Amino acid sequence: MNVFGWMNDQLLRMQWLSDLVTAGVEWVGLDPASRIGGSVQFFVYDVVKIFILLSVLIFLISYVQSYFPPERTRRILSGREGIGANILGALLGTITPFCSCSSIPLFIGFTAAGLPLGVTFSFLISSPLVDMASVILLASIFSWPIALAYVGVGLVVAVIGGTLIGQLRMEGQVADFVRTVPVLDADETMTRNERIGFARDQVMDIVKKVWPYVLIGVGIGAAIHNWVPAETISALLGQDKWWAVPVATVIGIPMYADIFGTLPIAEALVGKGVGLGTVLAFMMAVTALSLPSLIMLKRVVKMPLLVTFTGIVTVGILTIGFVFNAITHLFI
């Protein structure tokens, strides 16, 4: 356990980096305990840590993902029905490091290939909501139990959401052009060097897409952590406030970011005493129900299906938020 704790602190939490940044802040004449010094320390440490972890994790995950291109994923899911297919679709979504908007083209391809609508929605929900990189990044900021809890509830939302949509038989609510999109089988044979190149390109592509949101998220987190009084946060999102979870969900929906940009904000909110369920609800709303992704989804599904999808996921997020707040209030 001591070895595991050391590895968790030094490799994931990067305590060495925190100490180095703190020393650097002091070297330039700032006090890390002051608001300005604390904000600089929080910003530099979190930005560097997230980009180091993000680059390493995306490279490793993308290398593995090179064995599961969309065509292979589609073939794995084809011909499967029932809740088992929804579980498989949700699990396969975890190995695709895409945001909600970039998951929609895959949703179109899966639907055009004739996969059950409920299964494609389980994939669509889990792909931006849960991925392997998020597990380790969550563990680096919070703890392994919280990281695994987030993954678990994310998969539950994806499986239940997809299952309910499948039971409602709303196949007719998909835009007509989606059914006519040609489905092509790509060559899955790649050499080792090609897989390494693919993984490297994925790192560059994803970092280019997420870096503004990481900087914005860390900046907001630094402001919350060092400038917003705990009393103000508690008055709005305190664990004793019944409206905390709905407010966090509503705040999260207009934002467009992935989990990498929301983690610093979540870290700061937890540090101010916001309930775990409220923070989870915020993170899930940002990643699964962002306004840009809903606008894109409206182009491929009709309004009744869009409203059903949004309603089911919203109810799932709210339920998870309330349950986790209740559990932490009782036992922690």
C-alpha atoms as a PDB file:
ATOM      1  CA  MET A   1       0.000   0.000   0.000  1.00  0.00           C
ATOM      2  CA  ASN A   2       2.895   2.382   0.729  1.00  0.00           C
ATOM      3  CA  VAL A   3       4.330   1.739  -2.735  1.00  0.00           C
ATOM      4  CA  PHE A   4       0.923   2.249  -4.351  1.00  0.00           C
ATOM      5  CA  GLY A   5       0.395   5.448  -2.375  1.00  0.00           C
ATOM      6  CA  TRP A   6       3.803   6.768  -3.412  1.00  0.00           C
ATOM      7  CA  MET A   7       3.140   5.967  -7.077  1.00  0.00           C
ATOM      8  CA  ASN A   8      -0.301   7.602  -6.888  1.00  0.00           C
ATOM      9  CA  ASP A   9       1.136  10.758  -5.288  1.00  0.00           C
ATOM     10  CA  GLN A  10       4.209  11.074  -7.495  1.00  0.00           C
ATOM     11  CA  LEU A  11       3.001   9.726 -10.862  1.00  0.00           C
ATOM     12  CA  LEU A  12      -0.662  10.754 -10.891  1.00  0.00           C
ATOM     13  CA  ARG A  13      -0.971  13.637  -8.455  1.00  0.00           C
ATOM     14  CA  MET A  14       2.577  14.718  -9.359  1.00  0.00           C
ATOM     15  CA  GLN A  15       3.439  15.980  -5.903  1.00  0.00           C
ATOM     16  CA  TRP A  16       6.954  16.631  -7.172  1.00  0.00           C
ATOM     17  CA  LEU A  17       5.523  19.046  -9.730  1.00  0.00           C
ATOM     18  CA  SER A  18       3.451  20.800  -7.070  1.00  0.00           C
ATOM     19  CA  ASP A  19       6.546  21.246  -4.908  1.00  0.00           C
ATOM     20  CA  LEU A  20       8.523  22.502  -7.908  1.00  0.00           C
ATOM     21  CA  VAL A  21       5.851  25.025  -8.907  1.00  0.00           C
ATOM     22  CA  THR A  22       5.491  26.193  -5.291  1.00  0.00           C
ATOM     23  CA  ALA A  23       9.260  26.765  -5.129  1.00  0.00           C
ATOM     24  CA  GLY A  24       9.083  28.680  -8.408  1.00  0.00           C
ATOM     25  CA  VAL A  25       6.278  30.895  -7.123  1.00  0.00           C
ATOM     26  CA  GLU A  26       8.289  31.673  -4.007  1.00  0.00           C
ATOM     27  CA  TRP A  27      11.389  32.323  -6.131  1.00  0.00           C
ATOM     28  CA  VAL A  28       9.624  35.090  -8.072  1.00  0.00           C
ATOM     29  CA  GLY A  29       8.615  36.699  -4.792  1.00  0.00           C
ATOM     30  CA  LEU A  30       5.008  35.532  -4.430  1.00  0.00           C
ATOM     31  CA  ASP A  31       3.516  33.903  -1.376  1.00  0.00           C
ATOM     32  CA  PRO A  32       1.707  30.635  -2.310  1.00  0.00           C
ATOM     33  CA  ALA A  33      -0.604  31.233   0.641  1.00  0.00           C
ATOM     34  CA  SER A  34      -1.753  34.581  -0.772  1.00  0.00           C
ATOM     35  CA  ARG A  35      -4.568  34.933  -3.277  1.00  0.00           C
ATOM     36  CA  ILE A  36      -2.334  35.940  -6.170  1.00  0.00           C
ATOM     37  CA  GLY A  37       0.417  33.467  -5.349  1.00  0.00           C
ATOM     38  CA  GLY A  38      -2.093  30.687  -4.734  1.00  0.00           C
ATOM     39  CA  SER A  39      -3.825  31.400  -8.040  1.00  0.00           C
ATOM     40  CA  VAL A  40      -0.537  31.312  -9.950  1.00  0.00           C
ATOM     41  CA  GLN A  41       0.495  28.082  -8.210  1.00  0.00           C
ATOM     42  CA  PHE A  42      -2.896  26.451  -8.903  1.00  0.00           C
ATOM     43  CA  PHE A  43      -2.911  27.540 -12.558  1.00  0.00           C
ATOM     44  CA  VAL A  44       0.638  26.526 -13.478  1.00  0.00           C
ATOM     45  CA  TYR A  45       0.542  23.230 -11.578  1.00  0.00           C
ATOM     46  CA  ASP A  46      -2.824  22.097 -12.952  1.00  0.00           C
ATOM     47  CA  VAL A  47      -2.101  23.135 -16.549  1.00  0.00           C
ATOM     48  CA  VAL A  48       1.256  21.362 -16.685  1.00  0.00           C
ATOM     49  CA  LYS A  49      -0.061  18.279 -14.869  1.00  0.00           C
ATOM     50  CA  ILE A  50      -3.145  17.921 -17.069  1.00  0.00           C
ATOM     51  CA  PHE A  51      -1.202  18.288 -20.315  1.00  0.00           C
ATOM     52  CA  ILE A  52       1.469  15.797 -19.232  1.00  0.00           C
ATOM     53  CA  LEU A  53      -1.105  13.216 -18.192  1.00  0.00           C
ATOM     54  CA  LEU A  54      -3.331  13.974 -21.168  1.00  0.00           C
ATOM     55  CA  SER A  55      -0.533  13.483 -23.696  1.00  0.00           C
ATOM     56  CA  VAL A  56       0.712  10.231 -22.169  1.00  0.00           C
ATOM     57  CA  LEU A  57      -2.752   8.761 -21.649  1.00  0.00           C
ATOM     58  CA  ILE A  58      -4.139   9.703 -25.064  1.00  0.00           C
ATOM     59  CA  PHE A  59      -1.073   8.213 -26.742  1.00  0.00           C
ATOM     60  CA  LEU A  60      -1.449   4.899 -24.907  1.00  0.00           C
ATOM     61  CA  ILE A  61      -5.226   4.750 -25.313  1.00  0.00           C
ATOM     62  CA  SER A  62      -5.075   5.720 -28.995  1.00  0.00           C
ATOM     63  CA  TYR A  63      -2.528   2.990 -29.644  1.00  0.00           C
ATOM     64  CA  VAL A  64      -4.987   0.478 -28.189  1.00  0.00           C
ATOM     65  CA  GLN A  65      -7.848   2.163 -30.033  1.00  0.00           C
ATOM     66  CA  SER A  66      -6.041   1.592 -33.350  1.00  0.00           C
ATOM     67  CA  TYR A  67      -7.167  -2.021 -33.009  1.00  0.00           C
ATOM     68  CA  PHE A  68     -10.817  -0.848 -32.738  1.00  0.00           C
ATOM     69  CA  PRO A  69     -11.612   1.467 -35.684  1.00  0.00           C
ATOM     70  CA  PRO A  70     -15.274   2.492 -36.139  1.00  0.00           C
ATOM     71  CA  GLU A  71     -15.867  -0.312 -38.633  1.00  0.00           C
ATOM     72  CA  ARG A  72     -14.671  -2.966 -36.228  1.00  0.00           C
ATOM     73  CA  THR A  73     -16.683  -1.452 -33.394  1.00  0.00           C
ATOM     74  CA  ARG A  74     -19.743  -1.486 -35.628  1.00  0.00           C
ATOM     75  CA  ARG A  75     -19.235  -5.149 -36.487  1.00  0.00           C
ATOM     76  CA  ILE A  76     -18.843  -6.039 -32.815  1.00  0.00           C
ATOM     77  CA  LEU A  77     -22.162  -4.356 -32.041  1.00  0.00           C
ATOM     78  CA  SER A  78     -24.079  -5.528 -35.108  1.00  0.00           C
ATOM     79  CA  GLY A  79     -26.574  -8.296 -34.612  1.00  0.00           C
ATOM     80  CA  ARG A  80     -26.700  -7.827 -30.847  1.00  0.00           C
ATOM     81  CA  GLU A  81     -29.869  -6.924 -29.006  1.00  0.00           C
ATOM     82  CA  GLY A  82     -31.145  -6.425 -25.482  1.00  0.00           C
ATOM     83  CA  ILE A  83     -29.498  -4.848 -22.483  1.00  0.00           C
ATOM     84  CA  GLY A  84     -26.315  -6.833 -23.144  1.00  0.00           C
ATOM     85  CA  ALA A  85     -25.896  -4.926 -26.405  1.00  0.00           C
ATOM     86  CA  ASN A  86     -26.436  -1.632 -24.574  1.00  0.00           C
ATOM     87  CA  ILE A  87     -23.793  -2.569 -22.012  1.00  0.00           C
ATOM     88  CA  LEU A  88     -21.374  -3.489 -24.792  1.00  0.00           C
ATOM     89  CA  GLY A  89     -22.105  -0.242 -26.624  1.00  0.00           C
ATOM     90  CA  ALA A  90     -21.486   1.785 -23.463  1.00  0.00           C
ATOM     91  CA  LEU A  91     -18.233  -0.073 -22.756  1.00  0.00           C
ATOM     92  CA  LEU A  92     -16.983   0.422 -26.308  1.00  0.00           C
ATOM     93  CA  GLY A  93     -17.750   4.114 -25.920  1.00  0.00           C
ATOM     94  CA  THR A  94     -15.201   4.296 -23.104  1.00  0.00           C
ATOM     95  CA  ILE A  95     -12.300   3.478 -25.444  1.00  0.00           C
ATOM     96  CA  THR A  96     -13.089   6.336 -27.832  1.00  0.00           C
ATOM     97  CA  PRO A  97     -11.547   9.585 -26.532  1.00  0.00           C
ATOM     98  CA  PHE A  98     -14.022  11.870 -28.273  1.00  0.00           C
ATOM     99  CA  CYS A  99     -16.035  14.847 -27.133  1.00  0.00           C
ATOM    100  CA  SER A 100     -19.795  14.806 -27.600  1.00  0.00           C
ATOM    101  CA  CYS A 101     -19.632  16.631 -30.958  1.00  0.00           C
ATOM    102  CA  SER A 102     -17.034  14.328 -32.507  1.00  0.00           C
ATOM    103  CA  SER A 103     -19.012  11.284 -31.331  1.00  0.00           C
ATOM    104  CA  ILE A 104     -21.997  12.265 -33.473  1.00  0.00           C
ATOM    105  CA  PRO A 105     -20.401  11.240 -36.826  1.00  0.00           C
ATOM    106  CA  LEU A 106     -19.848   7.788 -35.337  1.00  0.00           C
ATOM    107  CA  PHE A 107     -23.483   7.773 -34.234  1.00  0.00           C
ATOM    108  CA  ILE A 108     -24.479   8.527 -37.842  1.00  0.00           C
ATOM    109  CA  GLY A 109     -22.307   5.705 -39.170  1.00  0.00           C
ATOM    110  CA  PHE A 110     -23.632   3.184 -36.653  1.00  0.00           C
ATOM    111  CA  THR A 111     -27.243   4.151 -37.369  1.00  0.00           C
ATOM    112  CA  ALA A 112     -26.684   3.963 -41.132  1.00  0.00           C
ATOM    113  CA  ALA A 113     -25.224   0.485 -40.674  1.00  0.00           C
ATOM    114  CA  GLY A 114     -28.488  -0.651 -39.093  1.00  0.00           C
ATOM    115  CA  LEU A 115     -27.398  -0.931 -35.452  1.00  0.00           C
ATOM    116  CA  PRO A 116     -30.289  -0.753 -32.957  1.00  0.00           C
ATOM    117  CA  LEU A 117     -31.055   2.848 -32.034  1.00  0.00           C
ATOM    118  CA  GLY A 118     -30.826   2.172 -28.301  1.00  0.00           C
ATOM    119  CA  VAL A 119     -27.337   0.690 -28.668  1.00  0.00           C
ATOM    120  CA  THR A 120     -26.087   3.662 -30.687  1.00  0.00           C
ATOM    121  CA  PHE A 121     -27.414   6.024 -28.021  1.00  0.00           C
ATOM    122  CA  SER A 122     -25.678   4.055 -25.263  1.00  0.00           C
ATOM    123  CA  PHE A 123     -22.466   4.567 -27.246  1.00  0.00           C
ATOM    124  CA  LEU A 124     -23.272   8.247 -27.877  1.00  0.00           C
ATOM    125  CA  ILE A 125     -23.807   8.903 -24.159  1.00  0.00           C
ATOM    126  CA  SER A 126     -20.789   7.020 -22.836  1.00  0.00           C
ATOM    127  CA  SER A 127     -18.244   8.151 -25.447  1.00  0.00           C
ATOM    128  CA  PRO A 128     -17.913  11.777 -24.252  1.00  0.00           C
ATOM    129  CA  LEU A 129     -18.986  11.025 -20.682  1.00  0.00           C
ATOM    130  CA  VAL A 130     -16.541   8.273 -19.770  1.00  0.00           C
ATOM    131  CA  ASP A 131     -13.165   7.334 -21.187  1.00  0.00           C
ATOM    132  CA  MET A 132     -10.096   5.645 -19.800  1.00  0.00           C
ATOM    133  CA  ALA A 133      -8.120   8.882 -19.653  1.00  0.00           C
ATOM    134  CA  SER A 134     -10.822  10.431 -17.449  1.00  0.00           C
ATOM    135  CA  VAL A 135     -10.450   7.603 -14.932  1.00  0.00           C
ATOM    136  CA  ILE A 136      -6.779   8.313 -14.344  1.00  0.00           C
ATOM    137  CA  LEU A 137      -7.171  12.089 -14.466  1.00  0.00           C
ATOM    138  CA  LEU A 138      -9.967  11.907 -11.904  1.00  0.00           C
ATOM    139  CA  ALA A 139      -7.805   9.717  -9.696  1.00  0.00           C
ATOM    140  CA  SER A 140      -4.930  12.182 -10.020  1.00  0.00           C
ATOM    141  CA  ILE A 141      -7.085  15.033  -8.703  1.00  0.00           C
ATOM    142  CA  PHE A 142      -9.454  13.271  -6.322  1.00  0.00           C
ATOM    143  CA  SER A 143      -9.055   9.585  -5.491  1.00  0.00           C
ATOM    144  CA  TRP A 144      -9.521   6.178  -7.076  1.00  0.00           C
ATOM    145  CA  PRO A 145     -12.904   5.541  -5.364  1.00  0.00           C
ATOM    146  CA  ILE A 146     -14.280   8.811  -6.767  1.00  0.00           C
ATOM    147  CA  ALA A 147     -12.826   8.088 -10.218  1.00  0.00           C
ATOM    148  CA  LEU A 148     -14.337   4.609 -10.325  1.00  0.00           C
ATOM    149  CA  ALA A 149     -17.641   5.933  -8.978  1.00  0.00           C
ATOM    150  CA  TYR A 150     -17.794   8.495 -11.800  1.00  0.00           C
ATOM    151  CA  VAL A 151     -17.098   5.825 -14.400  1.00  0.00           C
ATOM    152  CA  GLY A 152     -19.665   3.489 -12.858  1.00  0.00           C
ATOM    153  CA  VAL A 153     -22.481   6.029 -12.778  1.00  0.00           C
ATOM    154  CA  GLY A 154     -21.573   7.251 -16.265  1.00  0.00           C
ATOM    155  CA  LEU A 155     -21.954   3.743 -17.644  1.00  0.00           C
ATOM    156  CA  VAL A 156     -25.240   3.310 -15.766  1.00  0.00           C
ATOM    157  CA  VAL A 157     -26.621   6.493 -17.366  1.00  0.00           C
ATOM    158  CA  ALA A 158     -25.475   5.301 -20.813  1.00  0.00           C
ATOM    159  CA  VAL A 159     -26.940   1.807 -20.454  1.00  0.00           C
ATOM    160  CA  ILE A 160     -30.269   2.902 -18.961  1.00  0.00           C
ATOM    161  CA  GLY A 161     -30.612   5.844 -21.353  1.00  0.00           C
ATOM    162  CA  GLY A 162     -29.942   3.714 -24.417  1.00  0.00           C
ATOM    163  CA  THR A 163     -32.214   0.931 -23.173  1.00  0.00           C
ATOM    164  CA  LEU A 164     -35.135   3.306 -22.595  1.00  0.00           C
ATOM    165  CA  ILE A 165     -34.720   4.921 -26.023  1.00  0.00           C
ATOM    166  CA  GLY A 166     -34.619   1.469 -27.594  1.00  0.00           C
ATOM    167  CA  GLN A 167     -37.812   0.435 -25.795  1.00  0.00           C
ATOM    168  CA  LEU A 168     -39.625   3.540 -27.040  1.00  0.00           C
ATOM    169  CA  ARG A 169     -39.161   2.405 -30.678  1.00  0.00           C
ATOM    170  CA  MET A 170     -38.226   5.831 -32.026  1.00  0.00           C
ATOM    171  CA  GLU A 171     -36.339   4.685 -35.107  1.00  0.00           C
ATOM    172  CA  GLY A 172     -38.623   6.859 -37.237  1.00  0.00           C
ATOM    173  CA  GLN A 173     -37.341   9.943 -35.422  1.00  0.00           C
ATOM    174  CA  VAL A 174     -33.910   9.754 -37.058  1.00  0.00           C
ATOM    175  CA  ALA A 175     -33.316  12.174 -39.954  1.00  0.00           C
ATOM    176  CA  ASP A 176     -33.941  10.528 -43.321  1.00  0.00           C
ATOM    177  CA  PHE A 177     -30.472  11.243 -44.739  1.00  0.00           C
ATOM    178  CA  VAL A 178     -28.802   9.268 -41.933  1.00  0.00           C
ATOM    179  CA  ARG A 179     -30.218   6.007 -43.252  1.00  0.00           C
ATOM    180  CA  THR A 180     -28.686   6.603 -46.672  1.00  0.00           C
ATOM    181  CA  VAL A 181     -25.146   7.432 -45.566  1.00  0.00           C
ATOM    182  CA  PRO A 182     -22.793   4.892 -47.202  1.00  0.00           C
ATOM    183  CA  VAL A 183     -20.955   2.589 -44.810  1.00  0.00           C
ATOM    184  CA  LEU A 184     -17.420   1.751 -45.851  1.00  0.00           C
ATOM    185  CA  ASP A 185     -15.089  -0.873 -44.440  1.00  0.00           C
ATOM    186  CA  ALA A 186     -11.605   0.487 -43.881  1.00  0.00           C
ATOM    187  CA  ASP A 187      -8.403  -1.531 -43.917  1.00  0.00           C
ATOM    188  CA  GLU A 188      -7.651  -2.415 -40.300  1.00  0.00           C
ATOM    189  CA  THR A 189      -4.158  -3.745 -41.059  1.00  0.00           C
ATOM    190  CA  MET A 190      -1.632  -1.361 -39.551  1.00  0.00           C
ATOM    191  CA  THR A 191       2.024  -1.828 -38.809  1.00  0.00           C
ATOM    192  CA  ARG A 192       3.484  -1.023 -35.412  1.00  0.00           C
ATOM    193  CA  ASN A 193       4.989   2.217 -36.724  1.00  0.00           C
ATOM    194  CA  GLU A 194       1.658   3.181 -38.264  1.00  0.00           C
ATOM    195  CA  ARG A 195      -0.088   2.610 -34.929  1.00  0.00           C
ATOM    196  CA  ILE A 196       2.516   4.754 -33.179  1.00  0.00           C
ATOM    197  CA  GLY A 197       2.004   7.439 -35.809  1.00  0.00           C
ATOM    198  CA  PHE A 198      -1.759   7.196 -35.372  1.00  0.00           C
ATOM    199  CA  ALA A 199      -1.416   7.560 -31.586  1.00  0.00           C
ATOM    200  CA  ARG A 200       0.923  10.530 -31.972  1.00  0.00           C
ATOM    201  CA  ASP A 201      -1.481  12.223 -34.383  1.00  0.00           C
ATOM    202  CA  GLN A 202      -4.363  11.619 -31.973  1.00  0.00           C
ATOM    203  CA  VAL A 203      -2.411  13.315 -29.190  1.00  0.00           C
ATOM    204  CA  MET A 204      -1.734  16.342 -31.367  1.00  0.00           C
ATOM    205  CA  ASP A 205      -5.317  16.486 -32.631  1.00  0.00           C
ATOM    206  CA  ILE A 206      -6.959  16.176 -29.214  1.00  0.00           C
ATOM    207  CA  VAL A 207      -4.551  18.573 -27.494  1.00  0.00           C
ATOM    208  CA  LYS A 208      -5.227  21.150 -30.230  1.00  0.00           C
ATOM    209  CA  LYS A 209      -8.957  20.773 -29.624  1.00  0.00           C
ATOM    210  CA  VAL A 210      -8.967  20.851 -25.828  1.00  0.00           C
ATOM    211  CA  TRP A 211      -6.181  23.240 -24.848  1.00  0.00           C
ATOM    212  CA  PRO A 212      -8.387  26.372 -24.762  1.00  0.00           C
ATOM    213  CA  TYR A 213     -10.923  24.607 -22.557  1.00  0.00           C
ATOM    214  CA  VAL A 214      -8.197  23.333 -20.239  1.00  0.00           C
ATOM    215  CA  LEU A 215      -6.809  26.846 -19.808  1.00  0.00           C
ATOM    216  CA  ILE A 216     -10.290  28.300 -19.262  1.00  0.00           C
ATOM    217  CA  GLY A 217     -11.224  25.505 -16.858  1.00  0.00           C
ATOM    218  CA  VAL A 218      -8.025  25.868 -14.843  1.00  0.00           C
ATOM    219  CA  GLY A 219      -8.458  29.637 -14.801  1.00  0.00           C
ATOM    220  CA  ILE A 220     -12.000  29.325 -13.453  1.00  0.00           C
ATOM    221  CA  GLY A 221     -10.819  26.720 -10.960  1.00  0.00           C
ATOM    222  CA  ALA A 222      -8.015  28.992  -9.748  1.00  0.00           C
ATOM    223  CA  ALA A 223     -10.473  31.869  -9.323  1.00  0.00           C
ATOM    224  CA  ILE A 224     -12.935  29.722  -7.379  1.00  0.00           C
ATOM    225  CA  HIS A 225     -10.173  28.205  -5.258  1.00  0.00           C
ATOM    226  CA  ASN A 226      -8.498  31.462  -4.249  1.00  0.00           C
ATOM    227  CA  TRP A 227     -10.928  34.338  -4.784  1.00  0.00           C
ATOM    228  CA  VAL A 228     -14.502  33.159  -4.236  1.00  0.00           C
ATOM    229  CA  PRO A 229     -15.334  32.862  -0.523  1.00  0.00           C
ATOM    230  CA  ALA A 230     -16.450  29.441   0.655  1.00  0.00           C
ATOM    231  CA  GLU A 231     -19.566  31.070   2.115  1.00  0.00           C
ATOM    232  CA  THR A 232     -20.647  32.253  -1.339  1.00  0.00           C
ATOM    233  CA  ILE A 233     -20.188  28.813  -2.887  1.00  0.00           C
ATOM    234  CA  SER A 234     -21.957  27.191   0.059  1.00  0.00           C
ATOM    235  CA  ALA A 235     -24.919  29.555  -0.242  1.00  0.00           C
ATOM    236  CA  LEU A 236     -25.424  28.532  -3.879  1.00  0.00           C
ATOM    237  CA  LEU A 237     -24.217  24.920  -4.053  1.00  0.00           C
ATOM    238  CA  GLY A 238     -23.873  23.806  -0.435  1.00  0.00           C
ATOM    239  CA  GLN A 239     -24.689  20.194   0.444  1.00  0.00           C
ATOM    240  CA  ASP A 240     -27.673  21.362   2.500  1.00  0.00           C
ATOM    241  CA  LYS A 241     -29.276  23.097  -0.486  1.00  0.00           C
ATOM    242  CA  TRP A 242     -31.819  20.953  -2.344  1.00  0.00           C
ATOM    243  CA  TRP A 243     -31.388  23.023  -5.474  1.00  0.00           C
ATOM    244  CA  ALA A 244     -27.615  22.524  -5.686  1.00  0.00           C
ATOM    245  CA  VAL A 245     -27.767  19.576  -8.106  1.00  0.00           C
ATOM    246  CA  PRO A 246     -30.314  21.153 -10.521  1.00  0.00           C
ATOM    247  CA  VAL A 247     -28.417  24.457 -10.512  1.00  0.00           C
ATOM    248  CA  ALA A 248     -25.095  22.718 -11.228  1.00  0.00           C
ATOM    249  CA  THR A 249     -26.726  20.784 -14.077  1.00  0.00           C
ATOM    250  CA  VAL A 250     -28.257  23.918 -15.614  1.00  0.00           C
ATOM    251  CA  ILE A 251     -24.939  25.783 -15.320  1.00  0.00           C
ATOM    252  CA  GLY A 252     -23.114  22.915 -17.030  1.00  0.00           C
ATOM    253  CA  ILE A 253     -25.352  22.545 -20.102  1.00  0.00           C
ATOM    254  CA  PRO A 254     -24.456  25.861 -21.871  1.00  0.00           C
ATOM    255  CA  MET A 255     -20.744  25.157 -21.438  1.00  0.00           C
ATOM    256  CA  TYR A 256     -18.795  23.360 -24.160  1.00  0.00           C
ATOM    257  CA  ALA A 257     -15.837  21.409 -22.851  1.00  0.00           C
ATOM    258  CA  ASP A 258     -14.805  17.868 -22.197  1.00  0.00           C
ATOM    259  CA  ILE A 259     -13.878  16.276 -18.918  1.00  0.00           C
ATOM    260  CA  PHE A 260     -10.327  17.636 -19.135  1.00  0.00           C
ATOM    261  CA  GLY A 261     -11.599  21.200 -18.970  1.00  0.00           C
ATOM    262  CA  THR A 262     -14.134  20.541 -16.213  1.00  0.00           C
ATOM    263  CA  LEU A 263     -11.793  18.719 -13.827  1.00  0.00           C
ATOM    264  CA  PRO A 264     -10.038  21.851 -12.470  1.00  0.00           C
ATOM    265  CA  ILE A 265     -13.413  23.484 -11.812  1.00  0.00           C
ATOM    266  CA  ALA A 266     -14.641  20.333 -10.070  1.00  0.00           C
ATOM    267  CA  GLU A 267     -11.461  20.229  -7.990  1.00  0.00           C
ATOM    268  CA  ALA A 268     -11.981  23.805  -6.826  1.00  0.00           C
ATOM    269  CA  LEU A 269     -15.677  23.234  -6.043  1.00  0.00           C
ATOM    270  CA  VAL A 270     -14.929  20.171  -3.917  1.00  0.00           C
ATOM    271  CA  GLY A 271     -12.253  22.196  -2.136  1.00  0.00           C
ATOM    272  CA  LYS A 272     -14.927  24.754  -1.250  1.00  0.00           C
ATOM    273  CA  GLY A 273     -17.175  22.101   0.273  1.00  0.00           C
ATOM    274  CA  VAL A 274     -19.551  21.436  -2.633  1.00  0.00           C
ATOM    275  CA  GLY A 275     -21.096  17.968  -2.465  1.00  0.00           C
ATOM    276  CA  LEU A 276     -19.676  15.174  -4.599  1.00  0.00           C
ATOM    277  CA  GLY A 277     -23.049  14.538  -6.231  1.00  0.00           C
ATOM    278  CA  THR A 278     -23.346  18.196  -7.222  1.00  0.00           C
ATOM    279  CA  VAL A 279     -19.874  18.152  -8.783  1.00  0.00           C
ATOM    280  CA  LEU A 280     -20.596  14.904 -10.652  1.00  0.00           C
ATOM    281  CA  ALA A 281     -23.847  16.394 -11.985  1.00  0.00           C
ATOM    282  CA  PHE A 282     -21.971  19.453 -13.232  1.00  0.00           C
ATOM    283  CA  MET A 283     -19.294  17.384 -14.971  1.00  0.00           C
ATOM    284  CA  MET A 284     -21.849  15.091 -16.616  1.00  0.00           C
ATOM    285  CA  ALA A 285     -24.005  17.983 -17.821  1.00  0.00           C
ATOM    286  CA  VAL A 286     -20.983  19.657 -19.447  1.00  0.00           C
ATOM    287  CA  THR A 287     -19.761  16.508 -21.185  1.00  0.00           C
ATOM    288  CA  ALA A 288     -23.039  14.788 -22.140  1.00  0.00           C
ATOM    289  CA  LEU A 289     -25.503  17.658 -22.604  1.00  0.00           C
ATOM    290  CA  SER A 290     -23.446  20.590 -23.853  1.00  0.00           C
ATOM    291  CA  LEU A 291     -25.468  22.999 -25.971  1.00  0.00           C
ATOM    292  CA  PRO A 292     -23.239  22.702 -29.084  1.00  0.00           C
ATOM    293  CA  SER A 293     -23.562  18.907 -29.077  1.00  0.00           C
ATOM    294  CA  LEU A 294     -27.360  19.145 -28.753  1.00  0.00           C
ATOM    295  CA  ILE A 295     -27.441  21.559 -31.704  1.00  0.00           C
ATOM    296  CA  MET A 296     -25.413  19.112 -33.791  1.00  0.00           C
ATOM    297  CA  LEU A 297     -27.554  16.190 -32.693  1.00  0.00           C
ATOM    298  CA  LYS A 298     -30.660  18.119 -33.784  1.00  0.00           C
ATOM    299  CA  ARG A 299     -29.346  17.894 -37.345  1.00  0.00           C
ATOM    300  CA  VAL A 300     -29.470  14.094 -37.336  1.00  0.00           C
ATOM    301  CA  VAL A 301     -32.533  13.361 -35.184  1.00  0.00           C
ATOM    302  CA  LYS A 302     -35.998  14.842 -35.035  1.00  0.00           C
ATOM    303  CA  MET A 303     -37.227  16.950 -32.134  1.00  0.00           C
ATOM    304  CA  PRO A 304     -39.206  14.227 -30.277  1.00  0.00           C
ATOM    305  CA  LEU A 305     -36.115  12.000 -30.103  1.00  0.00           C
ATOM    306  CA  LEU A 306     -33.871  14.923 -29.117  1.00  0.00           C
ATOM    307  CA  VAL A 307     -36.238  15.900 -26.307  1.00  0.00           C
ATOM    308  CA  THR A 308     -36.486  12.275 -25.157  1.00  0.00           C
ATOM    309  CA  PHE A 309     -32.694  11.871 -25.153  1.00  0.00           C
ATOM    310  CA  THR A 310     -32.162  15.145 -23.285  1.00  0.00           C
ATOM    311  CA  GLY A 311     -34.879  14.342 -20.752  1.00  0.00           C
ATOM    312  CA  ILE A 312     -33.641  10.827 -20.000  1.00  0.00           C
ATOM    313  CA  VAL A 313     -30.019  11.923 -19.562  1.00  0.00           C
ATOM    314  CA  THR A 314     -31.050  14.933 -17.446  1.00  0.00           C
ATOM    315  CA  VAL A 315     -33.148  12.775 -15.126  1.00  0.00           C
ATOM    316  CA  GLY A 316     -30.261  10.312 -14.847  1.00  0.00           C
ATOM    317  CA  ILE A 317     -27.786  13.072 -13.975  1.00  0.00           C
ATOM    318  CA  LEU A 318     -30.113  14.612 -11.386  1.00  0.00           C
ATOM    319  CA  THR A 319     -30.791  11.233  -9.794  1.00  0.00           C
ATOM    320  CA  ILE A 320     -27.089  10.434  -9.541  1.00  0.00           C
ATOM    321  CA  GLY A 321     -26.366  13.862  -8.066  1.00  0.00           C
ATOM    322  CA  PHE A 322     -29.018  13.569  -5.374  1.00  0.00           C
ATOM    323  CA  VAL A 323     -28.059   9.975  -4.495  1.00  0.00           C
ATOM    324  CA  PHE A 324     -24.342  10.722  -4.201  1.00  0.00           C
ATOM    325  CA  ASN A 325     -24.994  13.816  -2.092  1.00  0.00           C
ATOM    326  CA  ALA A 326     -27.202  11.764   0.212  1.00  0.00           C
ATOM    327  CA  ILE A 327     -24.606   8.993   0.524  1.00  0.00           C
ATOM    328  CA  THR A 328     -21.736  11.370   1.249  1.00  0.00           C
ATOM    329  CA  HIS A 329     -23.869  13.313   3.748  1.00  0.00           C
ATOM    330  CA  LEU A 330     -24.719  10.149   5.661  1.00  0.00           C
ATOM    331  CA  PHE A 331     -21.402   8.328   5.638  1.00  0.00           C
ATOM    332  CA  ILE A 332     -18.686  10.948   5.213  1.00  0.00           C
END
